[in-house]
Protein backbone atom coordinates (compact mmCIF):
# COMPACT_ATOMS: atom_id res chain seq x y z
CA MET A 1 102.64 -175.90 211.31
CA GLN A 2 99.91 -177.75 213.04
CA ALA A 3 97.49 -177.37 209.94
CA ILE A 4 100.61 -178.85 207.61
CA ILE A 5 100.77 -181.56 210.15
CA TYR A 6 96.91 -182.34 209.95
CA ASP A 7 96.84 -182.01 206.53
CA PHE A 8 99.84 -184.76 206.05
CA LEU A 9 98.23 -186.95 208.40
CA PHE A 10 95.03 -186.96 206.62
CA ILE A 11 96.53 -187.68 203.14
CA ILE A 12 98.45 -190.73 204.41
CA THR A 13 95.44 -191.85 205.97
CA SER A 14 93.45 -191.40 203.13
CA ILE A 15 95.88 -193.30 200.79
CA PHE A 16 96.20 -196.17 203.42
CA ILE A 17 92.58 -196.40 202.95
CA LEU A 18 92.48 -196.27 199.44
CA PHE A 19 95.44 -198.86 199.26
CA LYS A 20 92.91 -201.21 201.50
CA THR A 21 89.63 -200.60 199.26
CA ILE A 22 92.13 -201.82 196.24
CA GLY A 23 92.78 -204.89 197.55
CA TYR A 24 89.04 -205.35 198.67
CA GLY A 25 88.11 -204.91 194.97
CA ILE A 26 91.00 -207.16 193.74
CA TYR A 27 89.40 -209.89 196.00
CA GLU A 28 86.00 -209.26 194.85
CA ILE A 29 87.08 -209.76 191.10
CA LYS A 30 89.80 -212.80 192.08
CA GLU A 31 87.93 -214.76 194.36
CA MET A 32 83.87 -213.81 194.74
CA LYS A 33 84.20 -213.31 190.58
CA ASN A 34 81.98 -210.09 190.84
CA LYS A 35 84.10 -207.82 187.99
CA SER A 36 81.69 -205.36 187.98
CA GLY A 37 81.72 -204.48 191.47
CA GLY A 38 85.44 -204.57 191.68
CA ILE A 39 86.00 -202.19 188.99
CA THR A 40 83.33 -200.21 190.72
CA ILE A 41 84.91 -200.08 194.26
CA ILE A 42 88.43 -199.63 192.69
CA THR A 43 87.41 -196.72 190.43
CA PHE A 44 85.00 -195.01 192.88
CA SER A 45 87.24 -195.30 195.78
CA CYS A 46 89.99 -193.74 193.73
CA LEU A 47 88.02 -190.88 192.60
CA ILE A 48 87.13 -189.90 196.24
CA THR A 49 90.42 -190.06 197.47
CA ILE A 50 91.70 -188.03 194.40
CA LEU A 51 88.78 -184.86 195.36
CA PHE A 52 89.76 -185.74 198.92
CA ILE A 53 93.50 -184.72 198.52
CA THR A 54 93.05 -181.88 196.20
CA ILE A 55 90.19 -180.24 198.54
CA ILE A 56 92.69 -180.30 201.31
CA LEU A 57 95.46 -179.30 199.29
CA LEU A 58 93.41 -176.34 198.25
CA ASN A 59 92.06 -174.88 201.24
């Protein structure tokens, strides 16, 4: 039971961090006019979050 709670907390935290980094990527695109940097940040953070959640769910 305790492991399920920790897994749930890690997943919620990683999704929260994902939203924060997506916001920063949008800020890079809109304000700094750095499209390649913003797109790279968004895709890299989405990929890392998806891999992190699958690793948690498979263990």
